[in-house]
Amino acid sequence: MYEIGKALYQEYFENEKCTNNYEIKQLSEVTINNRNKIDQTKEYKVLSAVNTGNLVLSDDYFDKQVYSKDIGKYLNVDKDDFAYNPARINIGSIGLNTFDFNCCVSPVYVTFSVDKDYINFFDFYFKSKKFNAEVTLRASGSVRQALNYNDFGLIEIPYPTKEMIDKFNSSYKTIKDRINKNKAKISNLERIRNTLLPKLMNGEIDLDKIEI
């Protein structure tokens, strides 16, 4: 799925004929830095940004608990918001929250939101070689190669038009829907196979009596 989406992203947004017509904007102009702490009356799952470019559930990903016992000062991360650890962004650890329940990250993290129509665009952009080059350039002056939100916000990008974003989202959705339908068909066939195979093995079904 990712590789197909990546190819589509490159076709739409890394083509110089298209990007030459885009307005150049800084990330600070098209992202909103969120520093909202969690609601301590609610239950939260802690997320971690990993080098695959995803936000994952810490308890599922790591063998031991890597976050504080007291998460009272942790930051809320809404679904479809991004988050990253400033000290680890150089290894590509910036991700999108895709979970439907309450999530949070360590207060050392940066969390931000984007225009909802541009979520897919940014998800691929933050995994691109161009963005990684910008991160390396801007974080190189730090011993730990950290990149805070202020420096992150200085990165300039050719910002796609709404018309192009709509075309990309439509094409991407069509591809995802097709893949998901195929996965559902495969899953159903596997279920049928798993049901019939034991019956064939123990003779409950006589193949000689089946007309093909």
N, C-alpha and C. Protein backbone atom coordinates (compact mmCIF):
# COMPACT_ATOMS: atom_id res chain seq x y z
N MET A 1 0.83 -1.20 0.00
CA MET A 1 0.00 0.00 0.00
C MET A 1 0.87 1.26 0.00
N TYR A 2 1.89 1.29 0.91
CA TYR A 2 2.72 2.48 1.02
C TYR A 2 3.47 2.76 -0.26
N GLU A 3 4.05 1.73 -0.86
CA GLU A 3 4.85 1.94 -2.07
C GLU A 3 4.00 2.47 -3.22
N ILE A 4 2.77 1.99 -3.32
CA ILE A 4 1.87 2.48 -4.36
C ILE A 4 1.53 3.94 -4.10
N GLY A 5 1.21 4.26 -2.83
CA GLY A 5 0.91 5.64 -2.48
C GLY A 5 2.10 6.55 -2.70
N LYS A 6 3.30 6.06 -2.40
CA LYS A 6 4.52 6.83 -2.61
C LYS A 6 4.72 7.16 -4.08
N ALA A 7 4.49 6.17 -4.94
CA ALA A 7 4.63 6.39 -6.38
C ALA A 7 3.62 7.43 -6.87
N LEU A 8 2.42 7.37 -6.33
CA LEU A 8 1.38 8.34 -6.70
C LEU A 8 1.77 9.73 -6.22
N TYR A 9 2.29 9.83 -4.99
CA TYR A 9 2.74 11.11 -4.44
C TYR A 9 3.83 11.71 -5.34
N GLN A 10 4.79 10.89 -5.73
CA GLN A 10 5.88 11.37 -6.57
C GLN A 10 5.38 11.86 -7.92
N GLU A 11 4.39 11.16 -8.45
CA GLU A 11 3.82 11.55 -9.74
C GLU A 11 3.14 12.91 -9.66
N TYR A 12 2.44 13.15 -8.56
CA TYR A 12 1.68 14.39 -8.41
C TYR A 12 2.53 15.56 -7.91
N PHE A 13 3.46 15.29 -6.99
CA PHE A 13 4.08 16.40 -6.26
C PHE A 13 5.60 16.51 -6.38
N GLU A 14 6.23 15.62 -7.10
CA GLU A 14 7.67 15.76 -7.31
C GLU A 14 7.98 15.99 -8.78
N ASN A 15 6.96 16.32 -9.51
CA ASN A 15 7.10 16.67 -10.92
C ASN A 15 7.34 18.17 -11.03
N GLU A 16 8.50 18.58 -11.51
CA GLU A 16 8.87 20.00 -11.54
C GLU A 16 7.90 20.83 -12.37
N LYS A 17 7.29 20.24 -13.37
CA LYS A 17 6.34 21.00 -14.19
C LYS A 17 5.16 21.46 -13.35
N CYS A 18 4.80 20.66 -12.34
CA CYS A 18 3.68 21.02 -11.46
C CYS A 18 4.14 21.93 -10.33
N THR A 19 5.24 21.55 -9.68
CA THR A 19 5.67 22.28 -8.49
C THR A 19 6.14 23.69 -8.81
N ASN A 20 6.55 23.95 -10.04
CA ASN A 20 6.97 25.30 -10.41
C ASN A 20 5.84 26.30 -10.28
N ASN A 21 4.61 25.82 -10.33
CA ASN A 21 3.45 26.71 -10.25
C ASN A 21 2.91 26.83 -8.82
N TYR A 22 3.51 26.11 -7.89
CA TYR A 22 3.02 26.15 -6.52
C TYR A 22 3.60 27.34 -5.76
N GLU A 23 2.82 27.82 -4.80
CA GLU A 23 3.29 28.89 -3.92
C GLU A 23 4.24 28.29 -2.88
N ILE A 24 5.35 28.96 -2.64
CA ILE A 24 6.31 28.50 -1.65
C ILE A 24 5.86 28.98 -0.27
N LYS A 25 5.72 28.03 0.66
CA LYS A 25 5.31 28.38 2.01
C LYS A 25 6.21 27.70 3.04
N GLN A 26 6.36 28.33 4.18
CA GLN A 26 7.07 27.70 5.28
C GLN A 26 6.11 26.79 6.03
N LEU A 27 6.67 25.74 6.65
CA LEU A 27 5.82 24.81 7.38
C LEU A 27 5.08 25.49 8.54
N SER A 28 5.65 26.56 9.07
CA SER A 28 4.98 27.28 10.15
C SER A 28 3.68 27.92 9.67
N GLU A 29 3.56 28.15 8.35
CA GLU A 29 2.36 28.77 7.78
C GLU A 29 1.25 27.75 7.55
N VAL A 30 1.60 26.49 7.44
CA VAL A 30 0.61 25.47 7.06
C VAL A 30 0.47 24.36 8.10
N THR A 31 1.07 24.57 9.28
CA THR A 31 0.90 23.64 10.39
C THR A 31 0.55 24.44 11.64
N ILE A 32 -0.10 23.78 12.59
CA ILE A 32 -0.45 24.42 13.86
C ILE A 32 0.19 23.62 14.99
N ASN A 33 1.07 24.25 15.72
CA ASN A 33 1.75 23.60 16.84
C ASN A 33 0.79 23.43 18.00
N ASN A 34 0.60 22.19 18.45
CA ASN A 34 -0.34 21.92 19.54
C ASN A 34 0.42 21.52 20.80
N ARG A 35 0.08 22.17 21.91
CA ARG A 35 0.73 21.85 23.18
C ARG A 35 -0.32 21.57 24.26
N ASN A 36 -1.42 20.95 23.86
CA ASN A 36 -2.50 20.69 24.80
C ASN A 36 -2.19 19.45 25.64
N LYS A 37 -2.22 19.62 26.96
CA LYS A 37 -1.99 18.49 27.84
C LYS A 37 -3.22 17.59 27.90
N ILE A 38 -3.02 16.38 28.33
CA ILE A 38 -4.12 15.41 28.37
C ILE A 38 -5.16 15.81 29.42
N ASP A 39 -6.36 15.32 29.21
CA ASP A 39 -7.43 15.46 30.19
C ASP A 39 -7.28 14.31 31.17
N GLN A 40 -6.87 14.60 32.40
CA GLN A 40 -6.54 13.54 33.35
C GLN A 40 -7.76 12.75 33.84
N THR A 41 -8.94 13.16 33.40
CA THR A 41 -10.14 12.38 33.75
C THR A 41 -10.39 11.27 32.74
N LYS A 42 -9.59 11.23 31.68
CA LYS A 42 -9.78 10.24 30.62
C LYS A 42 -8.59 9.28 30.57
N GLU A 43 -8.80 8.13 29.93
CA GLU A 43 -7.72 7.17 29.74
C GLU A 43 -7.03 7.41 28.40
N TYR A 44 -5.71 7.27 28.38
CA TYR A 44 -4.93 7.53 27.17
C TYR A 44 -3.96 6.38 26.91
N LYS A 45 -3.66 6.18 25.63
CA LYS A 45 -2.60 5.28 25.21
C LYS A 45 -1.41 6.14 24.79
N VAL A 46 -0.21 5.73 25.21
CA VAL A 46 1.00 6.49 24.89
C VAL A 46 1.57 6.03 23.54
N LEU A 47 1.90 7.01 22.70
CA LEU A 47 2.46 6.74 21.39
C LEU A 47 3.96 7.04 21.37
N SER A 48 4.65 6.36 20.48
CA SER A 48 6.07 6.63 20.25
C SER A 48 6.29 6.74 18.74
N ALA A 49 7.15 7.68 18.36
CA ALA A 49 7.51 7.82 16.95
C ALA A 49 8.71 6.93 16.68
N VAL A 50 8.62 6.11 15.64
CA VAL A 50 9.70 5.17 15.31
C VAL A 50 10.22 5.45 13.91
N ASN A 51 11.36 4.82 13.59
CA ASN A 51 12.06 5.19 12.36
C ASN A 51 11.39 4.70 11.07
N THR A 52 10.23 4.05 11.20
CA THR A 52 9.46 3.69 10.00
C THR A 52 8.61 4.87 9.54
N GLY A 53 8.62 5.96 10.33
CA GLY A 53 7.79 7.10 9.99
C GLY A 53 6.37 6.93 10.47
N ASN A 54 6.19 6.18 11.55
CA ASN A 54 4.86 5.93 12.10
C ASN A 54 4.81 6.24 13.59
N LEU A 55 3.61 6.51 14.08
CA LEU A 55 3.36 6.58 15.51
C LEU A 55 2.78 5.24 15.92
N VAL A 56 3.41 4.60 16.90
CA VAL A 56 2.98 3.27 17.32
C VAL A 56 2.61 3.30 18.80
N LEU A 57 1.85 2.30 19.23
CA LEU A 57 1.52 2.16 20.64
C LEU A 57 2.75 1.66 21.38
N SER A 58 3.23 2.44 22.33
CA SER A 58 4.46 2.10 23.04
C SER A 58 4.39 0.72 23.69
N ASP A 59 3.26 0.42 24.31
CA ASP A 59 3.13 -0.86 25.02
C ASP A 59 3.20 -2.05 24.07
N ASP A 60 2.79 -1.87 22.83
CA ASP A 60 2.83 -2.96 21.86
C ASP A 60 4.19 -3.07 21.18
N TYR A 61 4.86 -1.95 21.02
CA TYR A 61 6.10 -1.91 20.23
C TYR A 61 7.33 -2.29 21.05
N PHE A 62 7.39 -1.84 22.30
CA PHE A 62 8.57 -2.08 23.12
C PHE A 62 8.33 -3.22 24.12
N ASP A 63 9.43 -3.90 24.47
CA ASP A 63 9.34 -5.02 25.41
C ASP A 63 9.09 -4.55 26.84
N LYS A 64 9.50 -3.33 27.13
CA LYS A 64 9.29 -2.78 28.47
C LYS A 64 8.74 -1.36 28.35
N GLN A 65 8.20 -0.84 29.44
CA GLN A 65 7.61 0.50 29.43
C GLN A 65 8.72 1.54 29.31
N VAL A 66 8.60 2.38 28.29
CA VAL A 66 9.63 3.40 28.03
C VAL A 66 9.16 4.80 28.39
N TYR A 67 7.93 4.91 28.86
CA TYR A 67 7.41 6.23 29.21
C TYR A 67 7.21 6.33 30.72
N SER A 68 6.97 7.54 31.20
CA SER A 68 6.85 7.79 32.64
C SER A 68 5.61 7.10 33.22
N LYS A 69 5.71 6.73 34.49
CA LYS A 69 4.54 6.17 35.18
C LYS A 69 3.44 7.21 35.31
N ASP A 70 3.85 8.46 35.53
CA ASP A 70 2.91 9.56 35.63
C ASP A 70 2.88 10.32 34.30
N ILE A 71 1.78 10.21 33.57
CA ILE A 71 1.68 10.85 32.25
C ILE A 71 0.85 12.13 32.31
N GLY A 72 0.71 12.66 33.51
CA GLY A 72 -0.13 13.84 33.69
C GLY A 72 0.27 15.05 32.87
N LYS A 73 1.57 15.15 32.54
CA LYS A 73 2.07 16.28 31.76
C LYS A 73 2.23 15.94 30.28
N TYR A 74 1.78 14.77 29.90
CA TYR A 74 1.92 14.36 28.50
C TYR A 74 0.97 15.17 27.62
N LEU A 75 1.30 15.21 26.32
CA LEU A 75 0.55 16.01 25.36
C LEU A 75 -0.50 15.18 24.63
N ASN A 76 -1.67 15.73 24.50
CA ASN A 76 -2.73 15.10 23.73
C ASN A 76 -2.39 15.12 22.24
N VAL A 77 -2.67 14.01 21.56
CA VAL A 77 -2.48 13.95 20.10
C VAL A 77 -3.79 13.47 19.48
N ASP A 78 -4.48 14.36 18.81
CA ASP A 78 -5.74 13.99 18.16
C ASP A 78 -5.48 13.09 16.96
N LYS A 79 -6.51 12.36 16.56
CA LYS A 79 -6.40 11.57 15.34
C LYS A 79 -6.12 12.50 14.16
N ASP A 80 -5.24 12.07 13.26
CA ASP A 80 -4.82 12.80 12.07
C ASP A 80 -3.89 13.96 12.38
N ASP A 81 -3.37 14.02 13.63
CA ASP A 81 -2.31 14.97 13.95
C ASP A 81 -0.97 14.25 13.84
N PHE A 82 0.09 15.03 13.67
CA PHE A 82 1.44 14.49 13.57
C PHE A 82 2.20 14.75 14.87
N ALA A 83 3.22 13.93 15.12
CA ALA A 83 4.06 14.13 16.29
C ALA A 83 5.46 13.58 16.00
N TYR A 84 6.45 14.21 16.64
CA TYR A 84 7.82 13.71 16.51
C TYR A 84 8.64 14.09 17.74
N ASN A 85 9.68 13.32 17.95
CA ASN A 85 10.65 13.59 19.00
C ASN A 85 11.75 14.45 18.40
N PRO A 86 11.93 15.69 18.84
CA PRO A 86 12.92 16.59 18.24
C PRO A 86 14.33 16.01 18.22
N ALA A 87 14.64 15.13 19.16
CA ALA A 87 15.99 14.56 19.22
C ALA A 87 16.15 13.34 18.33
N ARG A 88 15.06 12.89 17.72
CA ARG A 88 15.14 11.69 16.88
C ARG A 88 14.55 11.88 15.49
N ILE A 89 14.21 13.11 15.14
CA ILE A 89 13.60 13.35 13.84
C ILE A 89 14.58 13.06 12.71
N ASN A 90 15.89 13.10 13.00
CA ASN A 90 16.89 12.85 11.96
C ASN A 90 16.87 11.42 11.46
N ILE A 91 16.20 10.51 12.19
CA ILE A 91 16.11 9.12 11.70
C ILE A 91 14.73 8.84 11.12
N GLY A 92 14.01 9.91 10.84
CA GLY A 92 12.73 9.74 10.16
C GLY A 92 11.56 9.48 11.06
N SER A 93 11.75 9.70 12.37
CA SER A 93 10.68 9.33 13.31
C SER A 93 9.67 10.46 13.48
N ILE A 94 8.89 10.68 12.47
CA ILE A 94 7.76 11.61 12.54
C ILE A 94 6.56 10.87 11.98
N GLY A 95 5.45 10.90 12.72
CA GLY A 95 4.34 10.05 12.29
C GLY A 95 2.98 10.67 12.47
N LEU A 96 2.00 10.02 11.88
CA LEU A 96 0.61 10.44 11.89
C LEU A 96 -0.18 9.55 12.85
N ASN A 97 -0.99 10.17 13.69
CA ASN A 97 -1.85 9.39 14.59
C ASN A 97 -3.07 8.89 13.83
N THR A 98 -3.18 7.58 13.68
CA THR A 98 -4.29 6.98 12.94
C THR A 98 -5.27 6.25 13.86
N PHE A 99 -5.05 6.34 15.17
CA PHE A 99 -5.88 5.60 16.11
C PHE A 99 -7.15 6.37 16.47
N ASP A 100 -8.20 5.62 16.80
CA ASP A 100 -9.50 6.22 17.09
C ASP A 100 -9.73 6.48 18.58
N PHE A 101 -8.79 6.12 19.43
CA PHE A 101 -8.96 6.35 20.86
C PHE A 101 -8.02 7.47 21.33
N ASN A 102 -8.14 7.84 22.61
CA ASN A 102 -7.33 8.94 23.15
C ASN A 102 -5.85 8.56 23.19
N CYS A 103 -5.02 9.43 22.62
CA CYS A 103 -3.59 9.16 22.54
C CYS A 103 -2.79 10.36 23.05
N CYS A 104 -1.58 10.07 23.52
CA CYS A 104 -0.72 11.13 24.01
C CYS A 104 0.74 10.79 23.74
N VAL A 105 1.60 11.80 23.87
CA VAL A 105 3.05 11.62 23.71
C VAL A 105 3.77 12.36 24.82
N SER A 106 5.02 12.05 24.99
CA SER A 106 5.86 12.71 25.98
C SER A 106 5.88 14.22 25.75
N PRO A 107 5.99 15.02 26.81
CA PRO A 107 6.03 16.47 26.65
C PRO A 107 7.26 16.98 25.90
N VAL A 108 8.26 16.12 25.70
CA VAL A 108 9.42 16.54 24.90
C VAL A 108 9.10 16.53 23.41
N TYR A 109 8.00 15.91 23.04
CA TYR A 109 7.60 15.81 21.64
C TYR A 109 7.07 17.13 21.10
N VAL A 110 7.04 17.21 19.77
CA VAL A 110 6.34 18.28 19.05
C VAL A 110 5.11 17.65 18.42
N THR A 111 3.96 18.25 18.61
CA THR A 111 2.74 17.77 17.96
C THR A 111 2.14 18.91 17.17
N PHE A 112 1.57 18.59 16.01
CA PHE A 112 0.99 19.63 15.17
C PHE A 112 -0.09 19.06 14.27
N SER A 113 -0.95 19.94 13.81
CA SER A 113 -2.02 19.55 12.89
C SER A 113 -1.86 20.27 11.57
N VAL A 114 -2.51 19.76 10.55
CA VAL A 114 -2.49 20.37 9.21
C VAL A 114 -3.92 20.42 8.69
N ASP A 115 -4.12 21.13 7.60
CA ASP A 115 -5.41 21.14 6.93
C ASP A 115 -5.82 19.70 6.63
N LYS A 116 -7.03 19.33 7.00
CA LYS A 116 -7.46 17.93 6.87
C LYS A 116 -7.35 17.40 5.45
N ASP A 117 -7.52 18.27 4.45
CA ASP A 117 -7.42 17.82 3.07
C ASP A 117 -5.98 17.51 2.66
N TYR A 118 -5.01 17.99 3.44
CA TYR A 118 -3.60 17.83 3.10
C TYR A 118 -2.92 16.73 3.92
N ILE A 119 -3.69 15.98 4.70
CA ILE A 119 -3.10 14.97 5.58
C ILE A 119 -2.31 13.92 4.80
N ASN A 120 -2.89 13.37 3.75
CA ASN A 120 -2.18 12.35 2.96
C ASN A 120 -0.93 12.93 2.32
N PHE A 121 -1.04 14.14 1.82
CA PHE A 121 0.12 14.81 1.20
C PHE A 121 1.27 14.90 2.18
N PHE A 122 0.99 15.41 3.39
CA PHE A 122 2.05 15.58 4.37
C PHE A 122 2.58 14.24 4.88
N ASP A 123 1.72 13.25 4.98
CA ASP A 123 2.17 11.94 5.44
C ASP A 123 3.26 11.39 4.53
N PHE A 124 3.12 11.58 3.24
CA PHE A 124 4.16 11.13 2.31
C PHE A 124 5.32 12.11 2.25
N TYR A 125 5.03 13.40 2.37
CA TYR A 125 6.10 14.41 2.31
C TYR A 125 7.10 14.19 3.44
N PHE A 126 6.61 13.90 4.65
CA PHE A 126 7.51 13.72 5.79
C PHE A 126 8.34 12.45 5.69
N LYS A 127 8.03 11.59 4.75
CA LYS A 127 8.83 10.38 4.52
C LYS A 127 9.72 10.54 3.28
N SER A 128 9.67 11.70 2.65
CA SER A 128 10.40 11.90 1.40
C SER A 128 11.87 12.24 1.62
N LYS A 129 12.69 11.98 0.62
CA LYS A 129 14.11 12.31 0.69
C LYS A 129 14.32 13.81 0.81
N LYS A 130 13.44 14.58 0.18
CA LYS A 130 13.58 16.03 0.21
C LYS A 130 13.41 16.55 1.64
N PHE A 131 12.41 16.05 2.35
CA PHE A 131 12.19 16.49 3.72
C PHE A 131 13.34 16.03 4.61
N ASN A 132 13.79 14.80 4.44
CA ASN A 132 14.90 14.29 5.25
C ASN A 132 16.17 15.10 5.04
N ALA A 133 16.37 15.58 3.81
CA ALA A 133 17.54 16.43 3.53
C ALA A 133 17.42 17.75 4.27
N GLU A 134 16.22 18.31 4.31
CA GLU A 134 15.99 19.56 5.03
C GLU A 134 16.25 19.37 6.53
N VAL A 135 15.80 18.25 7.07
CA VAL A 135 16.00 17.96 8.49
C VAL A 135 17.49 17.85 8.80
N THR A 136 18.21 17.12 7.98
CA THR A 136 19.64 16.94 8.17
C THR A 136 20.37 18.28 8.14
N LEU A 137 19.98 19.13 7.20
CA LEU A 137 20.60 20.45 7.06
C LEU A 137 20.36 21.31 8.29
N ARG A 138 19.13 21.33 8.78
CA ARG A 138 18.77 22.23 9.86
C ARG A 138 19.13 21.69 11.24
N ALA A 139 19.29 20.40 11.34
CA ALA A 139 19.63 19.81 12.64
C ALA A 139 21.13 19.60 12.80
N SER A 140 21.90 19.85 11.75
CA SER A 140 23.32 19.53 11.77
C SER A 140 24.12 20.38 12.74
N GLY A 141 23.59 21.55 13.12
CA GLY A 141 24.32 22.42 14.02
C GLY A 141 24.22 22.00 15.47
N SER A 142 23.37 21.05 15.77
CA SER A 142 23.15 20.61 17.15
C SER A 142 23.93 19.34 17.44
N VAL A 143 24.46 19.24 18.65
CA VAL A 143 25.20 18.04 19.03
C VAL A 143 24.31 16.81 18.93
N ARG A 144 23.04 16.96 19.37
CA ARG A 144 22.11 15.83 19.34
C ARG A 144 21.26 15.84 18.08
N GLN A 145 21.54 16.78 17.20
CA GLN A 145 20.78 16.90 15.95
C GLN A 145 19.28 17.02 16.21
N ALA A 146 18.92 17.84 17.19
CA ALA A 146 17.50 18.04 17.50
C ALA A 146 16.92 19.10 16.58
N LEU A 147 15.61 19.04 16.40
CA LEU A 147 14.92 20.01 15.55
C LEU A 147 13.63 20.42 16.25
N ASN A 148 13.64 21.60 16.87
CA ASN A 148 12.43 22.05 17.55
C ASN A 148 11.43 22.59 16.54
N TYR A 149 10.24 22.94 17.02
CA TYR A 149 9.19 23.38 16.09
C TYR A 149 9.55 24.67 15.37
N ASN A 150 10.25 25.58 16.02
CA ASN A 150 10.61 26.85 15.38
C ASN A 150 11.50 26.61 14.16
N ASP A 151 12.48 25.72 14.31
CA ASP A 151 13.36 25.41 13.17
C ASP A 151 12.63 24.57 12.13
N PHE A 152 11.82 23.65 12.59
CA PHE A 152 10.98 22.84 11.69
C PHE A 152 10.10 23.76 10.84
N GLY A 153 9.55 24.79 11.47
CA GLY A 153 8.64 25.70 10.78
C GLY A 153 9.30 26.54 9.70
N LEU A 154 10.64 26.62 9.69
CA LEU A 154 11.35 27.41 8.69
C LEU A 154 11.51 26.67 7.36
N ILE A 155 11.26 25.38 7.37
CA ILE A 155 11.41 24.59 6.14
C ILE A 155 10.39 25.05 5.11
N GLU A 156 10.86 25.29 3.91
CA GLU A 156 9.99 25.77 2.83
C GLU A 156 9.59 24.62 1.91
N ILE A 157 8.32 24.65 1.48
CA ILE A 157 7.84 23.63 0.55
C ILE A 157 6.99 24.28 -0.53
N PRO A 158 7.00 23.68 -1.74
CA PRO A 158 6.03 24.11 -2.76
C PRO A 158 4.66 23.59 -2.33
N TYR A 159 3.76 24.48 -1.97
CA TYR A 159 2.48 24.06 -1.39
C TYR A 159 1.45 23.83 -2.49
N PRO A 160 0.97 22.58 -2.63
CA PRO A 160 0.05 22.24 -3.73
C PRO A 160 -1.26 23.01 -3.65
N THR A 161 -1.86 23.22 -4.79
CA THR A 161 -3.17 23.85 -4.84
C THR A 161 -4.22 22.88 -4.33
N LYS A 162 -5.34 23.41 -3.89
CA LYS A 162 -6.44 22.57 -3.41
C LYS A 162 -6.93 21.66 -4.53
N GLU A 163 -6.94 22.16 -5.74
CA GLU A 163 -7.38 21.36 -6.88
C GLU A 163 -6.51 20.12 -7.05
N MET A 164 -5.18 20.29 -6.94
CA MET A 164 -4.27 19.16 -7.10
C MET A 164 -4.40 18.19 -5.92
N ILE A 165 -4.59 18.73 -4.73
CA ILE A 165 -4.77 17.88 -3.55
C ILE A 165 -6.02 17.02 -3.70
N ASP A 166 -7.09 17.61 -4.19
CA ASP A 166 -8.34 16.86 -4.37
C ASP A 166 -8.14 15.72 -5.38
N LYS A 167 -7.40 15.99 -6.44
CA LYS A 167 -7.14 14.95 -7.44
C LYS A 167 -6.32 13.82 -6.85
N PHE A 168 -5.29 14.19 -6.09
CA PHE A 168 -4.43 13.20 -5.44
C PHE A 168 -5.23 12.35 -4.45
N ASN A 169 -6.02 13.00 -3.60
CA ASN A 169 -6.82 12.27 -2.60
C ASN A 169 -7.80 11.31 -3.25
N SER A 170 -8.41 11.76 -4.35
CA SER A 170 -9.36 10.91 -5.06
C SER A 170 -8.67 9.67 -5.62
N SER A 171 -7.52 9.87 -6.26
CA SER A 171 -6.77 8.75 -6.84
C SER A 171 -6.29 7.80 -5.75
N TYR A 172 -5.80 8.37 -4.66
CA TYR A 172 -5.29 7.56 -3.55
C TYR A 172 -6.41 6.75 -2.91
N LYS A 173 -7.56 7.36 -2.74
CA LYS A 173 -8.71 6.66 -2.15
C LYS A 173 -9.15 5.51 -3.04
N THR A 174 -9.17 5.73 -4.35
CA THR A 174 -9.56 4.69 -5.29
C THR A 174 -8.63 3.48 -5.17
N ILE A 175 -7.34 3.76 -5.08
CA ILE A 175 -6.35 2.69 -4.96
C ILE A 175 -6.52 1.93 -3.64
N LYS A 176 -6.68 2.70 -2.54
CA LYS A 176 -6.85 2.06 -1.23
C LYS A 176 -8.10 1.20 -1.18
N ASP A 177 -9.20 1.72 -1.74
CA ASP A 177 -10.45 0.96 -1.74
C ASP A 177 -10.30 -0.34 -2.50
N ARG A 178 -9.61 -0.27 -3.63
CA ARG A 178 -9.41 -1.46 -4.47
C ARG A 178 -8.56 -2.50 -3.72
N ILE A 179 -7.51 -2.03 -3.08
CA ILE A 179 -6.63 -2.93 -2.33
C ILE A 179 -7.38 -3.56 -1.16
N ASN A 180 -8.15 -2.76 -0.46
CA ASN A 180 -8.90 -3.28 0.69
C ASN A 180 -9.94 -4.31 0.26
N LYS A 181 -10.59 -4.09 -0.90
CA LYS A 181 -11.55 -5.06 -1.41
C LYS A 181 -10.85 -6.37 -1.74
N ASN A 182 -9.68 -6.27 -2.36
CA ASN A 182 -8.92 -7.48 -2.70
C ASN A 182 -8.49 -8.23 -1.44
N LYS A 183 -8.08 -7.46 -0.40
CA LYS A 183 -7.69 -8.09 0.87
C LYS A 183 -8.87 -8.82 1.49
N ALA A 184 -10.06 -8.20 1.40
CA ALA A 184 -11.26 -8.82 1.97
C ALA A 184 -11.59 -10.12 1.23
N LYS A 185 -11.44 -10.11 -0.10
CA LYS A 185 -11.69 -11.32 -0.89
C LYS A 185 -10.71 -12.43 -0.52
N ILE A 186 -9.44 -12.05 -0.38
CA ILE A 186 -8.42 -13.04 -0.02
C ILE A 186 -8.70 -13.62 1.36
N SER A 187 -9.08 -12.75 2.30
CA SER A 187 -9.39 -13.20 3.65
C SER A 187 -10.56 -14.16 3.65
N ASN A 188 -11.57 -13.89 2.82
CA ASN A 188 -12.74 -14.76 2.74
C ASN A 188 -12.37 -16.11 2.14
N LEU A 189 -11.53 -16.10 1.11
CA LEU A 189 -11.09 -17.35 0.49
C LEU A 189 -10.25 -18.18 1.47
N GLU A 190 -9.43 -17.51 2.26
CA GLU A 190 -8.63 -18.22 3.25
C GLU A 190 -9.52 -18.85 4.31
N ARG A 191 -10.59 -18.14 4.69
CA ARG A 191 -11.52 -18.67 5.68
C ARG A 191 -12.21 -19.92 5.14
N ILE A 192 -12.63 -19.86 3.87
CA ILE A 192 -13.28 -21.02 3.25
C ILE A 192 -12.31 -22.19 3.16
N ARG A 193 -11.06 -21.90 2.78
CA ARG A 193 -10.05 -22.95 2.69
C ARG A 193 -9.83 -23.61 4.05
N ASN A 194 -9.72 -22.80 5.09
CA ASN A 194 -9.46 -23.33 6.43
C ASN A 194 -10.63 -24.16 6.95
N THR A 195 -11.82 -23.85 6.45
CA THR A 195 -13.00 -24.61 6.86
C THR A 195 -13.10 -25.94 6.11
N LEU A 196 -12.80 -25.89 4.80
CA LEU A 196 -12.97 -27.08 3.97
C LEU A 196 -11.81 -28.07 4.06
N LEU A 197 -10.60 -27.56 4.23
CA LEU A 197 -9.43 -28.45 4.19
C LEU A 197 -9.49 -29.57 5.22
N PRO A 198 -9.81 -29.30 6.48
CA PRO A 198 -9.89 -30.41 7.45
C PRO A 198 -10.95 -31.44 7.06
N LYS A 199 -12.05 -30.96 6.47
CA LYS A 199 -13.12 -31.89 6.07
C LYS A 199 -12.67 -32.75 4.90
N LEU A 200 -11.87 -32.17 4.02
CA LEU A 200 -11.34 -32.97 2.92
C LEU A 200 -10.35 -34.01 3.43
N MET A 201 -9.55 -33.62 4.41
CA MET A 201 -8.51 -34.51 4.93
C MET A 201 -9.10 -35.70 5.69
N ASN A 202 -10.24 -35.46 6.39
CA ASN A 202 -10.81 -36.58 7.16
C ASN A 202 -11.94 -37.29 6.41
N GLY A 203 -12.14 -36.94 5.14
CA GLY A 203 -13.10 -37.66 4.30
C GLY A 203 -14.52 -37.22 4.44
N GLU A 204 -14.80 -36.11 5.12
CA GLU A 204 -16.17 -35.64 5.26
C GLU A 204 -16.73 -35.18 3.91
N ILE A 205 -15.84 -34.74 3.03
CA ILE A 205 -16.26 -34.31 1.69
C ILE A 205 -15.67 -35.24 0.68
N ASP A 206 -16.53 -35.83 -0.17
CA ASP A 206 -16.09 -36.76 -1.20
C ASP A 206 -15.97 -36.00 -2.52
N LEU A 207 -14.73 -35.79 -2.97
CA LEU A 207 -14.48 -35.03 -4.18
C LEU A 207 -15.07 -35.71 -5.41
N ASP A 208 -15.21 -37.04 -5.36
CA ASP A 208 -15.74 -37.77 -6.51
C ASP A 208 -17.19 -37.42 -6.80
N LYS A 209 -17.91 -36.91 -5.76
CA LYS A 209 -19.31 -36.58 -5.90
C LYS A 209 -19.55 -35.11 -6.24
N ILE A 210 -18.44 -34.36 -6.37
CA ILE A 210 -18.57 -32.92 -6.67
C ILE A 210 -18.43 -32.70 -8.18
N GLU A 211 -19.44 -32.09 -8.77
CA GLU A 211 -19.40 -31.80 -10.20
C GLU A 211 -18.74 -30.44 -10.44
N ILE A 212 -17.79 -30.40 -11.32
CA ILE A 212 -17.10 -29.15 -11.65
C ILE A 212 -17.40 -28.76 -13.09
